[in-house]
Amino acid sequence: MKEKIKQIQKELQQNPKFQEQIQKIKPSRSIWGFLGVIVLFFVPEILNDFYSKEINEWIANYAKGAPNEQMANTLIWLSQKTFDGEVSYLNITLGVLFLIWLFKK
């Protein structure tokens, strides 16, 4: 199995179309690429960490106007699961990896 994965990796590294596609999805090395990574990966985690209670209160007030009680309860439940006040280490790790990829030669 390991040999098969190594063989596939070797084939992908030698495939010019694959390498071209990788370069297309790489964020540009500019202020906009840097800000894009920061805004998409780090800012939501900071907001979740500092303002999760306020966000959940606002959503609970907003859910009072929902068409039915089940929809309101689902909205409140989802918001509590999403904005739990804990940092997502997966999101932070992805952000750091994208920043490394951004500034890598």
PDB file of N, CA and C in Angstrom:
ATOM      1  N   MET A   1       0.821  -1.194   0.000  1.00  0.00           N
ATOM      2  CA  MET A   1       0.000   0.000   0.000  1.00  0.00           C
ATOM      3  C   MET A   1       0.867   1.261   0.000  1.00  0.00           C
ATOM      4  N   LYS A   2       1.918   1.254   0.837  1.00  0.00           N
ATOM      5  CA  LYS A   2       2.810   2.411   0.892  1.00  0.00           C
ATOM      6  C   LYS A   2       3.516   2.614  -0.440  1.00  0.00           C
ATOM      7  N   GLU A   3       3.887   1.524  -1.058  1.00  0.00           N
ATOM      8  CA  GLU A   3       4.564   1.632  -2.343  1.00  0.00           C
ATOM      9  C   GLU A   3       3.629   2.185  -3.415  1.00  0.00           C
ATOM     10  N   LYS A   4       2.379   1.785  -3.350  1.00  0.00           N
ATOM     11  CA  LYS A   4       1.394   2.284  -4.316  1.00  0.00           C
ATOM     12  C   LYS A   4       1.206   3.789  -4.145  1.00  0.00           C
ATOM     13  N   ILE A   5       1.134   4.261  -2.901  1.00  0.00           N
ATOM     14  CA  ILE A   5       0.977   5.693  -2.634  1.00  0.00           C
ATOM     15  C   ILE A   5       2.212   6.454  -3.103  1.00  0.00           C
ATOM     16  N   LYS A   6       3.388   5.901  -2.847  1.00  0.00           N
ATOM     17  CA  LYS A   6       4.630   6.545  -3.302  1.00  0.00           C
ATOM     18  C   LYS A   6       4.677   6.617  -4.826  1.00  0.00           C
ATOM     19  N   GLN A   7       4.202   5.568  -5.483  1.00  0.00           N
ATOM     20  CA  GLN A   7       4.179   5.552  -6.951  1.00  0.00           C
ATOM     21  C   GLN A   7       3.218   6.618  -7.487  1.00  0.00           C
ATOM     22  N   ILE A   8       2.054   6.732  -6.871  1.00  0.00           N
ATOM     23  CA  ILE A   8       1.087   7.746  -7.300  1.00  0.00           C
ATOM     24  C   ILE A   8       1.658   9.144  -7.074  1.00  0.00           C
ATOM     25  N   GLN A   9       2.313   9.354  -5.940  1.00  0.00           N
ATOM     26  CA  GLN A   9       2.912  10.655  -5.648  1.00  0.00           C
ATOM     27  C   GLN A   9       3.996  10.992  -6.673  1.00  0.00           C
ATOM     28  N   LYS A  10       4.806  10.010  -7.028  1.00  0.00           N
ATOM     29  CA  LYS A  10       5.864  10.218  -8.015  1.00  0.00           C
ATOM     30  C   LYS A  10       5.271  10.580  -9.373  1.00  0.00           C
ATOM     31  N   GLU A  11       4.207   9.890  -9.759  1.00  0.00           N
ATOM     32  CA  GLU A  11       3.549  10.176 -11.030  1.00  0.00           C
ATOM     33  C   GLU A  11       2.965  11.581 -11.045  1.00  0.00           C
ATOM     34  N   LEU A  12       2.357  12.001  -9.927  1.00  0.00           N
ATOM     35  CA  LEU A  12       1.781  13.344  -9.854  1.00  0.00           C
ATOM     36  C   LEU A  12       2.866  14.415  -9.898  1.00  0.00           C
ATOM     37  N   GLN A  13       3.998  14.172  -9.277  1.00  0.00           N
ATOM     38  CA  GLN A  13       5.087  15.143  -9.295  1.00  0.00           C
ATOM     39  C   GLN A  13       5.672  15.306 -10.696  1.00  0.00           C
ATOM     40  N   GLN A  14       5.591  14.274 -11.503  1.00  0.00           N
ATOM     41  CA  GLN A  14       6.132  14.329 -12.858  1.00  0.00           C
ATOM     42  C   GLN A  14       5.082  14.752 -13.887  1.00  0.00           C
ATOM     43  N   ASN A  15       3.837  14.843 -13.493  1.00  0.00           N
ATOM     44  CA  ASN A  15       2.762  15.197 -14.412  1.00  0.00           C
ATOM     45  C   ASN A  15       2.709  16.720 -14.576  1.00  0.00           C
ATOM     46  N   PRO A  16       2.995  17.256 -15.769  1.00  0.00           N
ATOM     47  CA  PRO A  16       3.014  18.713 -15.950  1.00  0.00           C
ATOM     48  C   PRO A  16       1.631  19.360 -15.807  1.00  0.00           C
ATOM     49  N   LYS A  17       0.575  18.654 -16.205  1.00  0.00           N
ATOM     50  CA  LYS A  17      -0.772  19.219 -16.061  1.00  0.00           C
ATOM     51  C   LYS A  17      -1.141  19.381 -14.591  1.00  0.00           C
ATOM     52  N   PHE A  18      -0.784  18.398 -13.774  1.00  0.00           N
ATOM     53  CA  PHE A  18      -1.057  18.473 -12.342  1.00  0.00           C
ATOM     54  C   PHE A  18      -0.277  19.623 -11.712  1.00  0.00           C
ATOM     55  N   GLN A  19       0.985  19.761 -12.063  1.00  0.00           N
ATOM     56  CA  GLN A  19       1.804  20.848 -11.513  1.00  0.00           C
ATOM     57  C   GLN A  19       1.259  22.212 -11.936  1.00  0.00           C
ATOM     58  N   GLU A  20       0.751  22.300 -13.155  1.00  0.00           N
ATOM     59  CA  GLU A  20       0.152  23.553 -13.637  1.00  0.00           C
ATOM     60  C   GLU A  20      -1.104  23.898 -12.834  1.00  0.00           C
ATOM     61  N   GLN A  21      -1.924  22.896 -12.555  1.00  0.00           N
ATOM     62  CA  GLN A  21      -3.140  23.120 -11.770  1.00  0.00           C
ATOM     63  C   GLN A  21      -2.803  23.541 -10.336  1.00  0.00           C
ATOM     64  N   ILE A  22      -1.767  22.948  -9.758  1.00  0.00           N
ATOM     65  CA  ILE A  22      -1.332  23.325  -8.413  1.00  0.00           C
ATOM     66  C   ILE A  22      -0.914  24.790  -8.391  1.00  0.00           C
ATOM     67  N   GLN A  23      -0.192  25.231  -9.406  1.00  0.00           N
ATOM     68  CA  GLN A  23       0.242  26.627  -9.451  1.00  0.00           C
ATOM     69  C   GLN A  23      -0.937  27.579  -9.640  1.00  0.00           C
ATOM     70  N   LYS A  24      -1.998  27.117 -10.306  1.00  0.00           N
ATOM     71  CA  LYS A  24      -3.177  27.969 -10.501  1.00  0.00           C
ATOM     72  C   LYS A  24      -3.929  28.198  -9.194  1.00  0.00           C
ATOM     73  N   ILE A  25      -3.975  27.180  -8.313  1.00  0.00           N
ATOM     74  CA  ILE A  25      -4.737  27.356  -7.076  1.00  0.00           C
ATOM     75  C   ILE A  25      -3.906  27.978  -5.964  1.00  0.00           C
ATOM     76  N   LYS A  26      -2.611  28.084  -6.164  1.00  0.00           N
ATOM     77  CA  LYS A  26      -1.750  28.698  -5.145  1.00  0.00           C
ATOM     78  C   LYS A  26      -2.105  30.173  -5.024  1.00  0.00           C
ATOM     79  N   PRO A  27      -2.288  30.681  -3.788  1.00  0.00           N
ATOM     80  CA  PRO A  27      -2.593  32.104  -3.631  1.00  0.00           C
ATOM     81  C   PRO A  27      -1.428  32.954  -4.144  1.00  0.00           C
ATOM     82  N   SER A  28      -1.768  34.108  -4.706  1.00  0.00           N
ATOM     83  CA  SER A  28      -0.718  34.962  -5.254  1.00  0.00           C
ATOM     84  C   SER A  28       0.116  35.557  -4.130  1.00  0.00           C
ATOM     85  N   ARG A  29       1.387  35.757  -4.399  1.00  0.00           N
ATOM     86  CA  ARG A  29       2.306  36.307  -3.406  1.00  0.00           C
ATOM     87  C   ARG A  29       2.168  37.827  -3.431  1.00  0.00           C
ATOM     88  N   SER A  30       1.109  38.298  -2.825  1.00  0.00           N
ATOM     89  CA  SER A  30       0.848  39.732  -2.751  1.00  0.00           C
ATOM     90  C   SER A  30       0.139  40.018  -1.433  1.00  0.00           C
ATOM     91  N   ILE A  31      -0.144  41.274  -1.218  1.00  0.00           N
ATOM     92  CA  ILE A  31      -0.859  41.650   0.000  1.00  0.00           C
ATOM     93  C   ILE A  31      -2.263  41.046  -0.010  1.00  0.00           C
ATOM     94  N   TRP A  32      -2.854  40.894  -1.203  1.00  0.00           N
ATOM     95  CA  TRP A  32      -4.216  40.358  -1.289  1.00  0.00           C
ATOM     96  C   TRP A  32      -4.248  38.867  -0.966  1.00  0.00           C
ATOM     97  N   GLY A  33      -3.233  38.129  -1.387  1.00  0.00           N
ATOM     98  CA  GLY A  33      -3.154  36.714  -1.031  1.00  0.00           C
ATOM     99  C   GLY A  33      -2.979  36.542   0.466  1.00  0.00           C
ATOM    100  N   PHE A  34      -2.109  37.367   1.055  1.00  0.00           N
ATOM    101  CA  PHE A  34      -1.870  37.320   2.496  1.00  0.00           C
ATOM    102  C   PHE A  34      -3.137  37.683   3.268  1.00  0.00           C
ATOM    103  N   LEU A  35      -3.782  38.784   2.882  1.00  0.00           N
ATOM    104  CA  LEU A  35      -5.009  39.202   3.565  1.00  0.00           C
ATOM    105  C   LEU A  35      -6.136  38.193   3.380  1.00  0.00           C
ATOM    106  N   GLY A  36      -6.192  37.561   2.215  1.00  0.00           N
ATOM    107  CA  GLY A  36      -7.218  36.543   1.978  1.00  0.00           C
ATOM    108  C   GLY A  36      -7.081  35.373   2.931  1.00  0.00           C
ATOM    109  N   VAL A  37      -5.859  34.910   3.128  1.00  0.00           N
ATOM    110  CA  VAL A  37      -5.625  33.796   4.051  1.00  0.00           C
ATOM    111  C   VAL A  37      -5.962  34.225   5.477  1.00  0.00           C
ATOM    112  N   ILE A  38      -5.558  35.431   5.862  1.00  0.00           N
ATOM    113  CA  ILE A  38      -5.833  35.931   7.216  1.00  0.00           C
ATOM    114  C   ILE A  38      -7.340  36.038   7.445  1.00  0.00           C
ATOM    115  N   VAL A  39      -8.048  36.628   6.483  1.00  0.00           N
ATOM    116  CA  VAL A  39      -9.497  36.841   6.647  1.00  0.00           C
ATOM    117  C   VAL A  39     -10.260  35.524   6.650  1.00  0.00           C
ATOM    118  N   LEU A  40      -9.873  34.572   5.830  1.00  0.00           N
ATOM    119  CA  LEU A  40     -10.622  33.323   5.735  1.00  0.00           C
ATOM    120  C   LEU A  40     -10.305  32.314   6.838  1.00  0.00           C
ATOM    121  N   PHE A  41      -9.108  32.374   7.422  1.00  0.00           N
ATOM    122  CA  PHE A  41      -8.729  31.343   8.387  1.00  0.00           C
ATOM    123  C   PHE A  41      -8.551  31.855   9.814  1.00  0.00           C
ATOM    124  N   PHE A  42      -8.047  33.067   9.987  1.00  0.00           N
ATOM    125  CA  PHE A  42      -7.723  33.524  11.335  1.00  0.00           C
ATOM    126  C   PHE A  42      -8.789  34.428  11.955  1.00  0.00           C
ATOM    127  N   VAL A  43      -9.356  35.331  11.172  1.00  0.00           N
ATOM    128  CA  VAL A  43     -10.357  36.261  11.712  1.00  0.00           C
ATOM    129  C   VAL A  43     -11.590  35.537  12.255  1.00  0.00           C
ATOM    130  N   PRO A  44     -12.143  34.526  11.566  1.00  0.00           N
ATOM    131  CA  PRO A  44     -13.295  33.820  12.149  1.00  0.00           C
ATOM    132  C   PRO A  44     -12.977  33.167  13.493  1.00  0.00           C
ATOM    133  N   GLU A  45     -11.762  32.672  13.649  1.00  0.00           N
ATOM    134  CA  GLU A  45     -11.388  32.050  14.917  1.00  0.00           C
ATOM    135  C   GLU A  45     -11.270  33.086  16.032  1.00  0.00           C
ATOM    136  N   ILE A  46     -10.750  34.253  15.699  1.00  0.00           N
ATOM    137  CA  ILE A  46     -10.650  35.322  16.698  1.00  0.00           C
ATOM    138  C   ILE A  46     -12.035  35.779  17.114  1.00  0.00           C
ATOM    139  N   LEU A  47     -12.931  35.971  16.128  1.00  0.00           N
ATOM    140  CA  LEU A  47     -14.302  36.382  16.448  1.00  0.00           C
ATOM    141  C   LEU A  47     -15.009  35.328  17.289  1.00  0.00           C
ATOM    142  N   ASN A  48     -14.831  34.071  16.950  1.00  0.00           N
ATOM    143  CA  ASN A  48     -15.452  32.981  17.705  1.00  0.00           C
ATOM    144  C   ASN A  48     -14.929  32.960  19.135  1.00  0.00           C
ATOM    145  N   ASP A  49     -13.648  33.184  19.300  1.00  0.00           N
ATOM    146  CA  ASP A  49     -13.059  33.129  20.634  1.00  0.00           C
ATOM    147  C   ASP A  49     -13.549  34.277  21.526  1.00  0.00           C
ATOM    148  N   PHE A  50     -13.622  35.478  20.979  1.00  0.00           N
ATOM    149  CA  PHE A  50     -13.968  36.646  21.792  1.00  0.00           C
ATOM    150  C   PHE A  50     -15.458  36.958  21.856  1.00  0.00           C
ATOM    151  N   TYR A  51     -16.207  36.658  20.788  1.00  0.00           N
ATOM    152  CA  TYR A  51     -17.596  37.112  20.698  1.00  0.00           C
ATOM    153  C   TYR A  51     -18.615  35.988  20.563  1.00  0.00           C
ATOM    154  N   SER A  52     -18.282  34.769  20.953  1.00  0.00           N
ATOM    155  CA  SER A  52     -19.211  33.655  20.765  1.00  0.00           C
ATOM    156  C   SER A  52     -20.502  33.858  21.566  1.00  0.00           C
ATOM    157  N   LYS A  53     -20.403  34.359  22.764  1.00  0.00           N
ATOM    158  CA  LYS A  53     -21.593  34.565  23.596  1.00  0.00           C
ATOM    159  C   LYS A  53     -22.528  35.597  22.959  1.00  0.00           C
ATOM    160  N   GLU A  54     -21.975  36.705  22.502  1.00  0.00           N
ATOM    161  CA  GLU A  54     -22.785  37.753  21.872  1.00  0.00           C
ATOM    162  C   GLU A  54     -23.420  37.266  20.567  1.00  0.00           C
ATOM    163  N   ILE A  55     -22.659  36.507  19.795  1.00  0.00           N
ATOM    164  CA  ILE A  55     -23.190  35.989  18.532  1.00  0.00           C
ATOM    165  C   ILE A  55     -24.352  35.037  18.798  1.00  0.00           C
ATOM    166  N   ASN A  56     -24.198  34.145  19.785  1.00  0.00           N
ATOM    167  CA  ASN A  56     -25.269  33.204  20.114  1.00  0.00           C
ATOM    168  C   ASN A  56     -26.503  33.924  20.654  1.00  0.00           C
ATOM    169  N   GLU A  57     -26.307  34.962  21.451  1.00  0.00           N
ATOM    170  CA  GLU A  57     -27.452  35.743  21.945  1.00  0.00           C
ATOM    171  C   GLU A  57     -28.175  36.427  20.794  1.00  0.00           C
ATOM    172  N   TRP A  58     -27.422  36.989  19.853  1.00  0.00           N
ATOM    173  CA  TRP A  58     -28.032  37.665  18.711  1.00  0.00           C
ATOM    174  C   TRP A  58     -28.825  36.676  17.862  1.00  0.00           C
ATOM    175  N   ILE A  59     -28.272  35.486  17.630  1.00  0.00           N
ATOM    176  CA  ILE A  59     -28.970  34.477  16.831  1.00  0.00           C
ATOM    177  C   ILE A  59     -30.215  33.987  17.555  1.00  0.00           C
ATOM    178  N   ALA A  60     -30.153  33.858  18.880  1.00  0.00           N
ATOM    179  CA  ALA A  60     -31.337  33.438  19.641  1.00  0.00           C
ATOM    180  C   ALA A  60     -32.445  34.480  19.511  1.00  0.00           C
ATOM    181  N   ASN A  61     -32.084  35.762  19.572  1.00  0.00           N
ATOM    182  CA  ASN A  61     -33.086  36.815  19.378  1.00  0.00           C
ATOM    183  C   ASN A  61     -33.625  36.804  17.954  1.00  0.00           C
ATOM    184  N   TYR A  62     -32.756  36.571  16.986  1.00  0.00           N
ATOM    185  CA  TYR A  62     -33.176  36.512  15.589  1.00  0.00           C
ATOM    186  C   TYR A  62     -34.097  35.318  15.346  1.00  0.00           C
ATOM    187  N   ALA A  63     -33.844  34.199  16.032  1.00  0.00           N
ATOM    188  CA  ALA A  63     -34.628  32.977  15.837  1.00  0.00           C
ATOM    189  C   ALA A  63     -36.054  33.120  16.352  1.00  0.00           C
ATOM    190  N   LYS A  64     -36.310  34.108  17.192  1.00  0.00           N
ATOM    191  CA  LYS A  64     -37.674  34.318  17.680  1.00  0.00           C
ATOM    192  C   LYS A  64     -38.638  34.654  16.546  1.00  0.00           C
ATOM    193  N   GLY A  65     -38.099  35.196  15.464  1.00  0.00           N
ATOM    194  CA  GLY A  65     -38.936  35.537  14.313  1.00  0.00           C
ATOM    195  C   GLY A  65     -39.010  34.440  13.278  1.00  0.00           C
ATOM    196  N   ALA A  66     -38.548  33.249  13.591  1.00  0.00           N
ATOM    197  CA  ALA A  66     -38.575  32.140  12.643  1.00  0.00           C
ATOM    198  C   ALA A  66     -40.015  31.680  12.410  1.00  0.00           C
ATOM    199  N   PRO A  67     -40.316  31.128  11.235  1.00  0.00           N
ATOM    200  CA  PRO A  67     -41.679  30.714  10.911  1.00  0.00           C
ATOM    201  C   PRO A  67     -42.248  29.646  11.845  1.00  0.00           C
ATOM    202  N   ASN A  68     -41.404  28.757  12.346  1.00  0.00           N
ATOM    203  CA  ASN A  68     -41.905  27.740  13.277  1.00  0.00           C
ATOM    204  C   ASN A  68     -40.850  27.457  14.351  1.00  0.00           C
ATOM    205  N   GLU A  69     -41.284  26.785  15.394  1.00  0.00           N
ATOM    206  CA  GLU A  69     -40.408  26.543  16.546  1.00  0.00           C
ATOM    207  C   GLU A  69     -39.268  25.583  16.215  1.00  0.00           C
ATOM    208  N   GLN A  70     -39.542  24.591  15.375  1.00  0.00           N
ATOM    209  CA  GLN A  70     -38.503  23.628  15.009  1.00  0.00           C
ATOM    210  C   GLN A  70     -37.361  24.324  14.280  1.00  0.00           C
ATOM    211  N   MET A  71     -37.674  25.231  13.380  1.00  0.00           N
ATOM    212  CA  MET A  71     -36.648  25.956  12.646  1.00  0.00           C
ATOM    213  C   MET A  71     -35.839  26.840  13.599  1.00  0.00           C
ATOM    214  N   ALA A  72     -36.518  27.477  14.540  1.00  0.00           N
ATOM    215  CA  ALA A  72     -35.829  28.320  15.510  1.00  0.00           C
ATOM    216  C   ALA A  72     -34.895  27.481  16.382  1.00  0.00           C
ATOM    217  N   ASN A  73     -35.373  26.345  16.846  1.00  0.00           N
ATOM    218  CA  ASN A  73     -34.534  25.475  17.677  1.00  0.00           C
ATOM    219  C   ASN A  73     -33.328  24.947  16.907  1.00  0.00           C
ATOM    220  N   THR A  74     -33.532  24.609  15.636  1.00  0.00           N
ATOM    221  CA  THR A  74     -32.428  24.132  14.807  1.00  0.00           C
ATOM    222  C   THR A  74     -31.395  25.228  14.602  1.00  0.00           C
ATOM    223  N   LEU A  75     -31.859  26.447  14.347  1.00  0.00           N
ATOM    224  CA  LEU A  75     -30.948  27.572  14.160  1.00  0.00           C
ATOM    225  C   LEU A  75     -30.137  27.840  15.427  1.00  0.00           C
ATOM    226  N   ILE A  76     -30.786  27.808  16.564  1.00  0.00           N
ATOM    227  CA  ILE A  76     -30.089  28.027  17.838  1.00  0.00           C
ATOM    228  C   ILE A  76     -29.087  26.899  18.097  1.00  0.00           C
ATOM    229  N   TRP A  77     -29.498  25.655  17.851  1.00  0.00           N
ATOM    230  CA  TRP A  77     -28.608  24.517  18.072  1.00  0.00           C
ATOM    231  C   TRP A  77     -27.374  24.607  17.172  1.00  0.00           C
ATOM    232  N   LEU A  78     -27.581  24.927  15.884  1.00  0.00           N
ATOM    233  CA  LEU A  78     -26.454  25.046  14.955  1.00  0.00           C
ATOM    234  C   LEU A  78     -25.512  26.173  15.354  1.00  0.00           C
ATOM    235  N   SER A  79     -26.065  27.284  15.790  1.00  0.00           N
ATOM    236  CA  SER A  79     -25.205  28.404  16.180  1.00  0.00           C
ATOM    237  C   SER A  79     -24.395  28.064  17.422  1.00  0.00           C
ATOM    238  N   GLN A  80     -24.986  27.327  18.346  1.00  0.00           N
ATOM    239  CA  GLN A  80     -24.244  26.943  19.540  1.00  0.00           C
ATOM    240  C   GLN A  80     -23.127  25.955  19.206  1.00  0.00           C
ATOM    241  N   LYS A  81     -23.351  25.097  18.226  1.00  0.00           N
ATOM    242  CA  LYS A  81     -22.310  24.169  17.813  1.00  0.00           C
ATOM    243  C   LYS A  81     -21.204  24.887  17.030  1.00  0.00           C
ATOM    244  N   THR A  82     -21.586  25.876  16.226  1.00  0.00           N
ATOM    245  CA  THR A  82     -20.614  26.594  15.406  1.00  0.00           C
ATOM    246  C   THR A  82     -19.804  27.581  16.234  1.00  0.00           C
ATOM    247  N   PHE A  83     -20.487  28.376  17.045  1.00  0.00           N
ATOM    248  CA  PHE A  83     -19.827  29.404  17.845  1.00  0.00           C
ATOM    249  C   PHE A  83     -19.756  28.942  19.294  1.00  0.00           C
ATOM    250  N   ASP A  84     -18.874  27.994  19.546  1.00  0.00           N
ATOM    251  CA  ASP A  84     -18.764  27.424  20.883  1.00  0.00           C
ATOM    252  C   ASP A  84     -17.697  28.096  21.736  1.00  0.00           C
ATOM    253  N   GLY A  85     -16.985  29.067  21.178  1.00  0.00           N
ATOM    254  CA  GLY A  85     -15.976  29.790  21.929  1.00  0.00           C
ATOM    255  C   GLY A  85     -14.631  29.101  21.967  1.00  0.00           C
ATOM    256  N   GLU A  86     -14.487  27.978  21.282  1.00  0.00           N
ATOM    257  CA  GLU A  86     -13.216  27.271  21.240  1.00  0.00           C
ATOM    258  C   GLU A  86     -12.550  27.485  19.881  1.00  0.00           C
ATOM    259  N   VAL A  87     -11.259  27.505  19.898  1.00  0.00           N
ATOM    260  CA  VAL A  87     -10.494  27.707  18.674  1.00  0.00           C
ATOM    261  C   VAL A  87     -10.402  26.386  17.916  1.00  0.00           C
ATOM    262  N   SER A  88     -10.613  26.443  16.621  1.00  0.00           N
ATOM    263  CA  SER A  88     -10.466  25.271  15.767  1.00  0.00           C
ATOM    264  C   SER A  88      -9.004  25.158  15.339  1.00  0.00           C
ATOM    265  N   TYR A  89      -8.319  24.195  15.913  1.00  0.00           N
ATOM    266  CA  TYR A  89      -6.901  24.028  15.583  1.00  0.00           C
ATOM    267  C   TYR A  89      -6.712  23.550  14.153  1.00  0.00           C
ATOM    268  N   LEU A  90      -7.693  22.865  13.612  1.00  0.00           N
ATOM    269  CA  LEU A  90      -7.617  22.470  12.208  1.00  0.00           C
ATOM    270  C   LEU A  90      -7.606  23.710  11.314  1.00  0.00           C
ATOM    271  N   ASN A  91      -8.491  24.659  11.584  1.00  0.00           N
ATOM    272  CA  ASN A  91      -8.562  25.883  10.791  1.00  0.00           C
ATOM    273  C   ASN A  91      -7.278  26.695  10.922  1.00  0.00           C
ATOM    274  N   ILE A  92      -6.757  26.806  12.137  1.00  0.00           N
ATOM    275  CA  ILE A  92      -5.514  27.547  12.353  1.00  0.00           C
ATOM    276  C   ILE A  92      -4.355  26.857  11.628  1.00  0.00           C
ATOM    277  N   THR A  93      -4.306  25.534  11.693  1.00  0.00           N
ATOM    278  CA  THR A  93      -3.241  24.791  11.015  1.00  0.00           C
ATOM    279  C   THR A  93      -3.317  24.977   9.506  1.00  0.00           C
ATOM    280  N   LEU A  94      -4.527  24.921   8.950  1.00  0.00           N
ATOM    281  CA  LEU A  94      -4.681  25.156   7.510  1.00  0.00           C
ATOM    282  C   LEU A  94      -4.233  26.559   7.136  1.00  0.00           C
ATOM    283  N   GLY A  95      -4.580  27.543   7.954  1.00  0.00           N
ATOM    284  CA  GLY A  95      -4.156  28.916   7.695  1.00  0.00           C
ATOM    285  C   GLY A  95      -2.646  29.057   7.709  1.00  0.00           C
ATOM    286  N   VAL A  96      -1.996  28.443   8.686  1.00  0.00           N
ATOM    287  CA  VAL A  96      -0.534  28.501   8.762  1.00  0.00           C
ATOM    288  C   VAL A  96       0.089  27.804   7.555  1.00  0.00           C
ATOM    289  N   LEU A  97      -0.460  26.657   7.171  1.00  0.00           N
ATOM    290  CA  LEU A  97       0.070  25.946   6.004  1.00  0.00           C
ATOM    291  C   LEU A  97      -0.104  26.761   4.726  1.00  0.00           C
ATOM    292  N   PHE A  98      -1.232  27.441   4.582  1.00  0.00           N
ATOM    293  CA  PHE A  98      -1.429  28.292   3.408  1.00  0.00           C
ATOM    294  C   PHE A  98      -0.449  29.464   3.415  1.00  0.00           C
ATOM    295  N   LEU A  99      -0.177  30.043   4.590  1.00  0.00           N
ATOM    296  CA  LEU A  99       0.800  31.130   4.652  1.00  0.00           C
ATOM    297  C   LEU A  99       2.194  30.635   4.294  1.00  0.00           C
ATOM    298  N   ILE A 100       2.546  29.444   4.770  1.00  0.00           N
ATOM    299  CA  ILE A 100       3.855  28.877   4.391  1.00  0.00           C
ATOM    300  C   ILE A 100       3.909  28.633   2.896  1.00  0.00           C
ATOM    301  N   TRP A 101       2.829  28.086   2.346  1.00  0.00           N
ATOM    302  CA  TRP A 101       2.769  27.821   0.909  1.00  0.00           C
ATOM    303  C   TRP A 101       2.829  29.129   0.123  1.00  0.00           C
ATOM    304  N   LEU A 102       2.212  30.166   0.666  1.00  0.00           N
ATOM    305  CA  LEU A 102       2.184  31.474  -0.003  1.00  0.00           C
ATOM    306  C   LEU A 102       3.593  32.043  -0.134  1.00  0.00           C
ATOM    307  N   PHE A 103       4.398  31.933   0.905  1.00  0.00           N
ATOM    308  CA  PHE A 103       5.718  32.542   0.890  1.00  0.00           C
ATOM    309  C   PHE A 103       6.835  31.579   0.495  1.00  0.00           C
ATOM    310  N   LYS A 104       6.469  30.325   0.236  1.00  0.00           N
ATOM    311  CA  LYS A 104       7.454  29.364  -0.228  1.00  0.00           C
ATOM    312  C   LYS A 104       7.820  29.679  -1.669  1.00  0.00           C
ATOM    313  N   LYS A 105       9.068  29.471  -1.999  1.00  0.00           N
ATOM    314  CA  LYS A 105       9.561  29.774  -3.356  1.00  0.00           C
ATOM    315  C   LYS A 105       8.799  29.049  -4.407  1.00  0.00           C
TER     316      LYS A 105
END
